[in-house]
Amino acid sequence: MNIFAVNWFIKGLRGNSVTFALLFASFLVGLSLSHYVKVVLEKLGVHWLYVMILPVVFFTWLAKREDRIIPDESKRKLWARGLIAGSILLAVLISWIRK
């Protein structure tokens, strides 16, 4: 199990971060958002070292500015918990369909 995913789950479940809940949800359903950021940076010709570091910086920066993007704390908690619950249900549904 990825230790980062556990951390994202905890932050999202507490309702502290919609960004980390989104990262957890994407990890759980097999869609890597950081991979797509990496692909965009590679196509722009960014050096490989920055391609590895910039997604972390971007998501950290985004998480710190969530209160400006979504000012209502109760909405942030609802969205974060909804993302986590929805991704878990989607993962279970996908698993059930594949059987």
PDB file of N, CA and C in Angstrom:
ATOM      1  N   MET A   1       0.850  -1.184   0.000  1.00  0.00           N
ATOM      2  CA  MET A   1       0.000   0.000   0.000  1.00  0.00           C
ATOM      3  C   MET A   1       0.883   1.231   0.000  1.00  0.00           C
ATOM      4  N   ASN A   2       0.528   2.177  -0.795  1.00  0.00           N
ATOM      5  CA  ASN A   2       1.270   3.428  -0.892  1.00  0.00           C
ATOM      6  C   ASN A   2       1.020   4.278   0.357  1.00  0.00           C
ATOM      7  N   ILE A   3       2.087   4.649   1.060  1.00  0.00           N
ATOM      8  CA  ILE A   3       1.952   5.438   2.290  1.00  0.00           C
ATOM      9  C   ILE A   3       1.352   6.808   1.995  1.00  0.00           C
ATOM     10  N   PHE A   4       1.625   7.345   0.800  1.00  0.00           N
ATOM     11  CA  PHE A   4       1.049   8.640   0.436  1.00  0.00           C
ATOM     12  C   PHE A   4      -0.473   8.543   0.318  1.00  0.00           C
ATOM     13  N   ALA A   5      -0.959   7.440  -0.213  1.00  0.00           N
ATOM     14  CA  ALA A   5      -2.404   7.256  -0.367  1.00  0.00           C
ATOM     15  C   ALA A   5      -3.090   7.198   0.994  1.00  0.00           C
ATOM     16  N   VAL A   6      -2.458   6.584   1.970  1.00  0.00           N
ATOM     17  CA  VAL A   6      -3.024   6.532   3.315  1.00  0.00           C
ATOM     18  C   VAL A   6      -3.094   7.944   3.896  1.00  0.00           C
ATOM     19  N   ASN A   7      -2.035   8.708   3.710  1.00  0.00           N
ATOM     20  CA  ASN A   7      -2.005  10.089   4.197  1.00  0.00           C
ATOM     21  C   ASN A   7      -3.082  10.926   3.502  1.00  0.00           C
ATOM     22  N   TRP A   8      -3.236  10.764   2.188  1.00  0.00           N
ATOM     23  CA  TRP A   8      -4.265  11.494   1.442  1.00  0.00           C
ATOM     24  C   TRP A   8      -5.651  11.110   1.951  1.00  0.00           C
ATOM     25  N   PHE A   9      -5.842   9.817   2.241  1.00  0.00           N
ATOM     26  CA  PHE A   9      -7.123   9.330   2.757  1.00  0.00           C
ATOM     27  C   PHE A   9      -7.456   9.995   4.086  1.00  0.00           C
ATOM     28  N   ILE A  10      -6.479  10.047   4.981  1.00  0.00           N
ATOM     29  CA  ILE A  10      -6.701  10.627   6.305  1.00  0.00           C
ATOM     30  C   ILE A  10      -7.022  12.115   6.198  1.00  0.00           C
ATOM     31  N   LYS A  11      -6.250  12.838   5.390  1.00  0.00           N
ATOM     32  CA  LYS A  11      -6.506  14.272   5.228  1.00  0.00           C
ATOM     33  C   LYS A  11      -7.866  14.526   4.594  1.00  0.00           C
ATOM     34  N   GLY A  12      -8.230  13.730   3.633  1.00  0.00           N
ATOM     35  CA  GLY A  12      -9.522  13.882   2.983  1.00  0.00           C
ATOM     36  C   GLY A  12     -10.675  13.482   3.885  1.00  0.00           C
ATOM     37  N   LEU A  13     -10.512  12.415   4.666  1.00  0.00           N
ATOM     38  CA  LEU A  13     -11.574  11.935   5.537  1.00  0.00           C
ATOM     39  C   LEU A  13     -11.864  12.941   6.651  1.00  0.00           C
ATOM     40  N   ARG A  14     -10.826  13.562   7.172  1.00  0.00           N
ATOM     41  CA  ARG A  14     -11.031  14.591   8.183  1.00  0.00           C
ATOM     42  C   ARG A  14     -11.672  15.843   7.596  1.00  0.00           C
ATOM     43  N   GLY A  15     -11.673  15.918   6.273  1.00  0.00           N
ATOM     44  CA  GLY A  15     -12.265  17.076   5.624  1.00  0.00           C
ATOM     45  C   GLY A  15     -11.321  18.252   5.522  1.00  0.00           C
ATOM     46  N   ASN A  16     -10.040  17.997   5.764  1.00  0.00           N
ATOM     47  CA  ASN A  16      -9.075  19.081   5.724  1.00  0.00           C
ATOM     48  C   ASN A  16      -8.695  19.493   4.316  1.00  0.00           C
ATOM     49  N   SER A  17      -8.796  18.585   3.355  1.00  0.00           N
ATOM     50  CA  SER A  17      -8.290  18.912   2.036  1.00  0.00           C
ATOM     51  C   SER A  17      -9.048  18.191   0.923  1.00  0.00           C
ATOM     52  N   VAL A  18      -9.674  18.976   0.075  1.00  0.00           N
ATOM     53  CA  VAL A  18     -10.331  18.433  -1.103  1.00  0.00           C
ATOM     54  C   VAL A  18      -9.273  17.944  -2.090  1.00  0.00           C
ATOM     55  N   THR A  19      -8.151  18.644  -2.161  1.00  0.00           N
ATOM     56  CA  THR A  19      -7.066  18.263  -3.073  1.00  0.00           C
ATOM     57  C   THR A  19      -6.559  16.863  -2.760  1.00  0.00           C
ATOM     58  N   PHE A  20      -6.281  16.597  -1.494  1.00  0.00           N
ATOM     59  CA  PHE A  20      -5.764  15.288  -1.127  1.00  0.00           C
ATOM     60  C   PHE A  20      -6.841  14.211  -1.237  1.00  0.00           C
ATOM     61  N   ALA A  21      -8.102  14.577  -1.013  1.00  0.00           N
ATOM     62  CA  ALA A  21      -9.190  13.616  -1.228  1.00  0.00           C
ATOM     63  C   ALA A  21      -9.277  13.267  -2.711  1.00  0.00           C
ATOM     64  N   LEU A  22      -9.094  14.259  -3.579  1.00  0.00           N
ATOM     65  CA  LEU A  22      -9.107  14.015  -5.018  1.00  0.00           C
ATOM     66  C   LEU A  22      -7.931  13.134  -5.434  1.00  0.00           C
ATOM     67  N   LEU A  23      -6.755  13.373  -4.864  1.00  0.00           N
ATOM     68  CA  LEU A  23      -5.600  12.535  -5.161  1.00  0.00           C
ATOM     69  C   LEU A  23      -5.838  11.094  -4.705  1.00  0.00           C
ATOM     70  N   PHE A  24      -6.427  10.922  -3.522  1.00  0.00           N
ATOM     71  CA  PHE A  24      -6.738   9.578  -3.040  1.00  0.00           C
ATOM     72  C   PHE A  24      -7.743   8.901  -3.955  1.00  0.00           C
ATOM     73  N   ALA A  25      -8.783   9.636  -4.327  1.00  0.00           N
ATOM     74  CA  ALA A  25      -9.817   9.068  -5.196  1.00  0.00           C
ATOM     75  C   ALA A  25      -9.228   8.644  -6.534  1.00  0.00           C
ATOM     76  N   SER A  26      -8.367   9.484  -7.092  1.00  0.00           N
ATOM     77  CA  SER A  26      -7.767   9.132  -8.385  1.00  0.00           C
ATOM     78  C   SER A  26      -6.840   7.928  -8.249  1.00  0.00           C
ATOM     79  N   PHE A  27      -6.122   7.842  -7.139  1.00  0.00           N
ATOM     80  CA  PHE A  27      -5.248   6.694  -6.886  1.00  0.00           C
ATOM     81  C   PHE A  27      -6.070   5.415  -6.754  1.00  0.00           C
ATOM     82  N   LEU A  28      -7.186   5.509  -6.047  1.00  0.00           N
ATOM     83  CA  LEU A  28      -8.003   4.332  -5.787  1.00  0.00           C
ATOM     84  C   LEU A  28      -8.633   3.773  -7.057  1.00  0.00           C
ATOM     85  N   VAL A  29      -9.054   4.634  -7.962  1.00  0.00           N
ATOM     86  CA  VAL A  29      -9.686   4.146  -9.186  1.00  0.00           C
ATOM     87  C   VAL A  29      -8.678   3.951 -10.320  1.00  0.00           C
ATOM     88  N   GLY A  30      -7.407   4.206 -10.052  1.00  0.00           N
ATOM     89  CA  GLY A  30      -6.361   3.912 -11.025  1.00  0.00           C
ATOM     90  C   GLY A  30      -6.076   5.026 -12.015  1.00  0.00           C
ATOM     91  N   LEU A  31      -6.461   6.238 -11.697  1.00  0.00           N
ATOM     92  CA  LEU A  31      -6.214   7.387 -12.561  1.00  0.00           C
ATOM     93  C   LEU A  31      -5.219   8.296 -11.853  1.00  0.00           C
ATOM     94  N   SER A  32      -4.025   8.407 -12.389  1.00  0.00           N
ATOM     95  CA  SER A  32      -2.981   9.182 -11.733  1.00  0.00           C
ATOM     96  C   SER A  32      -2.964  10.616 -12.259  1.00  0.00           C
ATOM     97  N   LEU A  33      -3.427  11.546 -11.415  1.00  0.00           N
ATOM     98  CA  LEU A  33      -3.425  12.955 -11.810  1.00  0.00           C
ATOM     99  C   LEU A  33      -2.006  13.488 -11.944  1.00  0.00           C
ATOM    100  N   SER A  34      -1.124  13.048 -11.060  1.00  0.00           N
ATOM    101  CA  SER A  34       0.256  13.522 -11.136  1.00  0.00           C
ATOM    102  C   SER A  34       0.935  13.036 -12.415  1.00  0.00           C
ATOM    103  N   HIS A  35       0.508  11.882 -12.927  1.00  0.00           N
ATOM    104  CA  HIS A  35       1.054  11.392 -14.190  1.00  0.00           C
ATOM    105  C   HIS A  35       0.703  12.348 -15.329  1.00  0.00           C
ATOM    106  N   TYR A  36      -0.533  12.826 -15.335  1.00  0.00           N
ATOM    107  CA  TYR A  36      -0.947  13.740 -16.400  1.00  0.00           C
ATOM    108  C   TYR A  36      -0.238  15.090 -16.304  1.00  0.00           C
ATOM    109  N   VAL A  37       0.025  15.547 -15.074  1.00  0.00           N
ATOM    110  CA  VAL A  37       0.822  16.769 -14.902  1.00  0.00           C
ATOM    111  C   VAL A  37       2.222  16.527 -15.449  1.00  0.00           C
ATOM    112  N   LYS A  38       2.772  15.345 -15.170  1.00  0.00           N
ATOM    113  CA  LYS A  38       4.099  14.977 -15.664  1.00  0.00           C
ATOM    114  C   LYS A  38       4.131  14.942 -17.188  1.00  0.00           C
ATOM    115  N   VAL A  39       3.112  14.373 -17.805  1.00  0.00           N
ATOM    116  CA  VAL A  39       3.045  14.294 -19.270  1.00  0.00           C
ATOM    117  C   VAL A  39       3.027  15.699 -19.881  1.00  0.00           C
ATOM    118  N   VAL A  40       2.243  16.582 -19.305  1.00  0.00           N
ATOM    119  CA  VAL A  40       2.177  17.960 -19.807  1.00  0.00           C
ATOM    120  C   VAL A  40       3.529  18.639 -19.685  1.00  0.00           C
ATOM    121  N   LEU A  41       4.189  18.463 -18.549  1.00  0.00           N
ATOM    122  CA  LEU A  41       5.502  19.086 -18.357  1.00  0.00           C
ATOM    123  C   LEU A  41       6.531  18.520 -19.331  1.00  0.00           C
ATOM    124  N   GLU A  42       6.498  17.215 -19.582  1.00  0.00           N
ATOM    125  CA  GLU A  42       7.431  16.607 -20.532  1.00  0.00           C
ATOM    126  C   GLU A  42       7.208  17.143 -21.936  1.00  0.00           C
ATOM    127  N   LYS A  43       5.938  17.310 -22.314  1.00  0.00           N
ATOM    128  CA  LYS A  43       5.642  17.832 -23.658  1.00  0.00           C
ATOM    129  C   LYS A  43       6.068  19.286 -23.800  1.00  0.00           C
ATOM    130  N   LEU A  44       6.088  19.999 -22.684  1.00  0.00           N
ATOM    131  CA  LEU A  44       6.557  21.387 -22.716  1.00  0.00           C
ATOM    132  C   LEU A  44       8.078  21.475 -22.727  1.00  0.00           C
ATOM    133  N   GLY A  45       8.734  20.338 -22.563  1.00  0.00           N
ATOM    134  CA  GLY A  45      10.195  20.301 -22.621  1.00  0.00           C
ATOM    135  C   GLY A  45      10.882  20.641 -21.310  1.00  0.00           C
ATOM    136  N   VAL A  46      10.179  20.452 -20.201  1.00  0.00           N
ATOM    137  CA  VAL A  46      10.756  20.742 -18.891  1.00  0.00           C
ATOM    138  C   VAL A  46      11.772  19.653 -18.547  1.00  0.00           C
ATOM    139  N   HIS A  47      12.869  20.034 -17.896  1.00  0.00           N
ATOM    140  CA  HIS A  47      13.927  19.106 -17.497  1.00  0.00           C
ATOM    141  C   HIS A  47      13.345  18.000 -16.619  1.00  0.00           C
ATOM    142  N   TRP A  48      13.878  16.779 -16.731  1.00  0.00           N
ATOM    143  CA  TRP A  48      13.331  15.608 -16.050  1.00  0.00           C
ATOM    144  C   TRP A  48      13.280  15.767 -14.540  1.00  0.00           C
ATOM    145  N   LEU A  49      14.236  16.476 -13.959  1.00  0.00           N
ATOM    146  CA  LEU A  49      14.240  16.662 -12.511  1.00  0.00           C
ATOM    147  C   LEU A  49      13.041  17.496 -12.068  1.00  0.00           C
ATOM    148  N   TYR A  50      12.748  18.531 -12.831  1.00  0.00           N
ATOM    149  CA  TYR A  50      11.585  19.360 -12.514  1.00  0.00           C
ATOM    150  C   TYR A  50      10.282  18.607 -12.772  1.00  0.00           C
ATOM    151  N   VAL A  51      10.292  17.716 -13.741  1.00  0.00           N
ATOM    152  CA  VAL A  51       9.103  16.907 -14.029  1.00  0.00           C
ATOM    153  C   VAL A  51       8.758  16.046 -12.820  1.00  0.00           C
ATOM    154  N   MET A  52       9.750  15.619 -12.070  1.00  0.00           N
ATOM    155  CA  MET A  52       9.508  14.805 -10.886  1.00  0.00           C
ATOM    156  C   MET A  52       9.097  15.653  -9.683  1.00  0.00           C
ATOM    157  N   ILE A  53       9.606  16.866  -9.584  1.00  0.00           N
ATOM    158  CA  ILE A  53       9.379  17.700  -8.407  1.00  0.00           C
ATOM    159  C   ILE A  53       8.137  18.587  -8.527  1.00  0.00           C
ATOM    160  N   LEU A  54       7.871  19.126  -9.701  1.00  0.00           N
ATOM    161  CA  LEU A  54       6.794  20.103  -9.864  1.00  0.00           C
ATOM    162  C   LEU A  54       5.391  19.584  -9.539  1.00  0.00           C
ATOM    163  N   PRO A  55       5.032  18.332  -9.847  1.00  0.00           N
ATOM    164  CA  PRO A  55       3.695  17.886  -9.428  1.00  0.00           C
ATOM    165  C   PRO A  55       3.489  17.941  -7.910  1.00  0.00           C
ATOM    166  N   VAL A  56       4.510  17.597  -7.140  1.00  0.00           N
ATOM    167  CA  VAL A  56       4.417  17.660  -5.679  1.00  0.00           C
ATOM    168  C   VAL A  56       4.232  19.104  -5.234  1.00  0.00           C
ATOM    169  N   VAL A  57       5.013  19.992  -5.809  1.00  0.00           N
ATOM    170  CA  VAL A  57       4.913  21.418  -5.475  1.00  0.00           C
ATOM    171  C   VAL A  57       3.534  21.949  -5.862  1.00  0.00           C
ATOM    172  N   PHE A  58       3.051  21.567  -7.047  1.00  0.00           N
ATOM    173  CA  PHE A  58       1.750  22.038  -7.521  1.00  0.00           C
ATOM    174  C   PHE A  58       0.619  21.610  -6.599  1.00  0.00           C
ATOM    175  N   PHE A  59       0.565  20.310  -6.235  1.00  0.00           N
ATOM    176  CA  PHE A  59      -0.526  19.830  -5.398  1.00  0.00           C
ATOM    177  C   PHE A  59      -0.433  20.381  -3.971  1.00  0.00           C
ATOM    178  N   THR A  60       0.764  20.588  -3.469  1.00  0.00           N
ATOM    179  CA  THR A  60       0.929  21.201  -2.151  1.00  0.00           C
ATOM    180  C   THR A  60       0.453  22.648  -2.182  1.00  0.00           C
ATOM    181  N   TRP A  61       0.827  23.377  -3.227  1.00  0.00           N
ATOM    182  CA  TRP A  61       0.398  24.763  -3.391  1.00  0.00           C
ATOM    183  C   TRP A  61      -1.123  24.845  -3.498  1.00  0.00           C
ATOM    184  N   LEU A  62      -1.718  23.942  -4.264  1.00  0.00           N
ATOM    185  CA  LEU A  62      -3.171  23.920  -4.440  1.00  0.00           C
ATOM    186  C   LEU A  62      -3.879  23.621  -3.123  1.00  0.00           C
ATOM    187  N   ALA A  63      -3.344  22.690  -2.341  1.00  0.00           N
ATOM    188  CA  ALA A  63      -3.955  22.335  -1.053  1.00  0.00           C
ATOM    189  C   ALA A  63      -3.911  23.506  -0.079  1.00  0.00           C
ATOM    190  N   LYS A  64      -2.852  24.287  -0.124  1.00  0.00           N
ATOM    191  CA  LYS A  64      -2.734  25.432   0.786  1.00  0.00           C
ATOM    192  C   LYS A  64      -3.681  26.562   0.419  1.00  0.00           C
ATOM    193  N   ARG A  65      -4.128  26.604  -0.819  1.00  0.00           N
ATOM    194  CA  ARG A  65      -5.004  27.683  -1.266  1.00  0.00           C
ATOM    195  C   ARG A  65      -6.461  27.264  -1.431  1.00  0.00           C
ATOM    196  N   GLU A  66      -6.801  26.110  -0.909  1.00  0.00           N
ATOM    197  CA  GLU A  66      -8.178  25.632  -1.005  1.00  0.00           C
ATOM    198  C   GLU A  66      -9.171  26.557  -0.338  1.00  0.00           C
ATOM    199  N   ASP A  67      -8.773  27.165   0.769  1.00  0.00           N
ATOM    200  CA  ASP A  67      -9.706  28.038   1.481  1.00  0.00           C
ATOM    201  C   ASP A  67     -10.078  29.274   0.666  1.00  0.00           C
ATOM    202  N   ARG A  68      -9.259  29.633  -0.300  1.00  0.00           N
ATOM    203  CA  ARG A  68      -9.596  30.745  -1.195  1.00  0.00           C
ATOM    204  C   ARG A  68     -10.466  30.276  -2.353  1.00  0.00           C
ATOM    205  N   ILE A  69     -10.242  29.045  -2.793  1.00  0.00           N
ATOM    206  CA  ILE A  69     -10.996  28.499  -3.917  1.00  0.00           C
ATOM    207  C   ILE A  69     -12.399  28.088  -3.463  1.00  0.00           C
ATOM    208  N   ILE A  70     -12.472  27.403  -2.323  1.00  0.00           N
ATOM    209  CA  ILE A  70     -13.758  26.989  -1.747  1.00  0.00           C
ATOM    210  C   ILE A  70     -13.816  27.585  -0.334  1.00  0.00           C
ATOM    211  N   PRO A  71     -14.353  28.805  -0.189  1.00  0.00           N
ATOM    212  CA  PRO A  71     -14.285  29.493   1.105  1.00  0.00           C
ATOM    213  C   PRO A  71     -15.118  28.857   2.219  1.00  0.00           C
ATOM    214  N   ASP A  72     -16.189  28.181   1.896  1.00  0.00           N
ATOM    215  CA  ASP A  72     -17.057  27.596   2.911  1.00  0.00           C
ATOM    216  C   ASP A  72     -16.478  26.272   3.410  1.00  0.00           C
ATOM    217  N   GLU A  73     -16.121  26.225   4.700  1.00  0.00           N
ATOM    218  CA  GLU A  73     -15.479  25.028   5.258  1.00  0.00           C
ATOM    219  C   GLU A  73     -16.395  23.812   5.233  1.00  0.00           C
ATOM    220  N   SER A  74     -17.685  24.005   5.462  1.00  0.00           N
ATOM    221  CA  SER A  74     -18.598  22.857   5.455  1.00  0.00           C
ATOM    222  C   SER A  74     -18.709  22.253   4.049  1.00  0.00           C
ATOM    223  N   LYS A  75     -18.639  23.086   3.015  1.00  0.00           N
ATOM    224  CA  LYS A  75     -18.640  22.568   1.641  1.00  0.00           C
ATOM    225  C   LYS A  75     -17.371  21.784   1.346  1.00  0.00           C
ATOM    226  N   ARG A  76     -16.221  22.304   1.817  1.00  0.00           N
ATOM    227  CA  ARG A  76     -14.952  21.587   1.608  1.00  0.00           C
ATOM    228  C   ARG A  76     -15.002  20.218   2.258  1.00  0.00           C
ATOM    229  N   LYS A  77     -15.515  20.144   3.484  1.00  0.00           N
ATOM    230  CA  LYS A  77     -15.612  18.854   4.174  1.00  0.00           C
ATOM    231  C   LYS A  77     -16.549  17.916   3.436  1.00  0.00           C
ATOM    232  N   LEU A  78     -17.683  18.449   2.989  1.00  0.00           N
ATOM    233  CA  LEU A  78     -18.647  17.628   2.263  1.00  0.00           C
ATOM    234  C   LEU A  78     -18.042  17.099   0.969  1.00  0.00           C
ATOM    235  N   TRP A  79     -17.359  17.948   0.224  1.00  0.00           N
ATOM    236  CA  TRP A  79     -16.747  17.530  -1.042  1.00  0.00           C
ATOM    237  C   TRP A  79     -15.638  16.522  -0.810  1.00  0.00           C
ATOM    238  N   ALA A  80     -14.793  16.759   0.201  1.00  0.00           N
ATOM    239  CA  ALA A  80     -13.687  15.836   0.480  1.00  0.00           C
ATOM    240  C   ALA A  80     -14.218  14.455   0.866  1.00  0.00           C
ATOM    241  N   ARG A  81     -15.177  14.436   1.770  1.00  0.00           N
ATOM    242  CA  ARG A  81     -15.732  13.147   2.206  1.00  0.00           C
ATOM    243  C   ARG A  81     -16.534  12.488   1.100  1.00  0.00           C
ATOM    244  N   GLY A  82     -17.208  13.285   0.290  1.00  0.00           N
ATOM    245  CA  GLY A  82     -17.949  12.747  -0.850  1.00  0.00           C
ATOM    246  C   GLY A  82     -17.026  12.113  -1.879  1.00  0.00           C
ATOM    247  N   LEU A  83     -15.894  12.761  -2.135  1.00  0.00           N
ATOM    248  CA  LEU A  83     -14.912  12.197  -3.068  1.00  0.00           C
ATOM    249  C   LEU A  83     -14.384  10.858  -2.570  1.00  0.00           C
ATOM    250  N   ILE A  84     -14.095  10.786  -1.283  1.00  0.00           N
ATOM    251  CA  ILE A  84     -13.567   9.543  -0.724  1.00  0.00           C
ATOM    252  C   ILE A  84     -14.626   8.438  -0.762  1.00  0.00           C
ATOM    253  N   ALA A  85     -15.826   8.752  -0.312  1.00  0.00           N
ATOM    254  CA  ALA A  85     -16.891   7.743  -0.315  1.00  0.00           C
ATOM    255  C   ALA A  85     -17.230   7.309  -1.742  1.00  0.00           C
ATOM    256  N   GLY A  86     -17.318   8.267  -2.647  1.00  0.00           N
ATOM    257  CA  GLY A  86     -17.626   7.942  -4.036  1.00  0.00           C
ATOM    258  C   GLY A  86     -16.557   7.084  -4.687  1.00  0.00           C
ATOM    259  N   SER A  87     -15.286   7.387  -4.404  1.00  0.00           N
ATOM    260  CA  SER A  87     -14.207   6.601  -5.004  1.00  0.00           C
ATOM    261  C   SER A  87     -14.171   5.181  -4.453  1.00  0.00           C
ATOM    262  N   ILE A  88     -14.467   5.033  -3.164  1.00  0.00           N
ATOM    263  CA  ILE A  88     -14.510   3.691  -2.583  1.00  0.00           C
ATOM    264  C   ILE A  88     -15.652   2.894  -3.207  1.00  0.00           C
ATOM    265  N   LEU A  89     -16.819   3.528  -3.328  1.00  0.00           N
ATOM    266  CA  LEU A  89     -17.952   2.840  -3.956  1.00  0.00           C
ATOM    267  C   LEU A  89     -17.657   2.500  -5.415  1.00  0.00           C
ATOM    268  N   LEU A  90     -17.022   3.416  -6.138  1.00  0.00           N
ATOM    269  CA  LEU A  90     -16.671   3.162  -7.531  1.00  0.00           C
ATOM    270  C   LEU A  90     -15.665   2.020  -7.646  1.00  0.00           C
ATOM    271  N   ALA A  91     -14.681   1.980  -6.752  1.00  0.00           N
ATOM    272  CA  ALA A  91     -13.694   0.889  -6.779  1.00  0.00           C
ATOM    273  C   ALA A  91     -14.353  -0.459  -6.492  1.00  0.00           C
ATOM    274  N   VAL A  92     -15.274  -0.479  -5.540  1.00  0.00           N
ATOM    275  CA  VAL A  92     -15.997  -1.724  -5.244  1.00  0.00           C
ATOM    276  C   VAL A  92     -16.854  -2.138  -6.431  1.00  0.00           C
ATOM    277  N   LEU A  93     -17.521  -1.171  -7.048  1.00  0.00           N
ATOM    278  CA  LEU A  93     -18.352  -1.466  -8.226  1.00  0.00           C
ATOM    279  C   LEU A  93     -17.521  -1.999  -9.384  1.00  0.00           C
ATOM    280  N   ILE A  94     -16.378  -1.389  -9.639  1.00  0.00           N
ATOM    281  CA  ILE A  94     -15.480  -1.857 -10.699  1.00  0.00           C
ATOM    282  C   ILE A  94     -15.011  -3.273 -10.413  1.00  0.00           C
ATOM    283  N   SER A  95     -14.646  -3.539  -9.158  1.00  0.00           N
ATOM    284  CA  SER A  95     -14.207  -4.873  -8.761  1.00  0.00           C
ATOM    285  C   SER A  95     -15.328  -5.895  -8.953  1.00  0.00           C
ATOM    286  N   TRP A  96     -16.549  -5.514  -8.580  1.00  0.00           N
ATOM    287  CA  TRP A  96     -17.685  -6.408  -8.717  1.00  0.00           C
ATOM    288  C   TRP A  96     -18.004  -6.698 -10.182  1.00  0.00           C
ATOM    289  N   ILE A  97     -17.890  -5.686 -11.032  1.00  0.00           N
ATOM    290  CA  ILE A  97     -18.170  -5.864 -12.463  1.00  0.00           C
ATOM    291  C   ILE A  97     -17.140  -6.772 -13.110  1.00  0.00           C
ATOM    292  N   ARG A  98     -15.901  -6.690 -12.718  1.00  0.00           N
ATOM    293  CA  ARG A  98     -14.831  -7.491 -13.323  1.00  0.00           C
ATOM    294  C   ARG A  98     -14.931  -8.968 -12.960  1.00  0.00           C
ATOM    295  N   LYS A  99     -15.661  -9.315 -11.927  1.00  0.00           N
ATOM    296  CA  LYS A  99     -15.780 -10.729 -11.513  1.00  0.00           C
ATOM    297  C   LYS A  99     -16.646 -11.511 -12.417  1.00  0.00           C
TER     298      LYS A  99
END
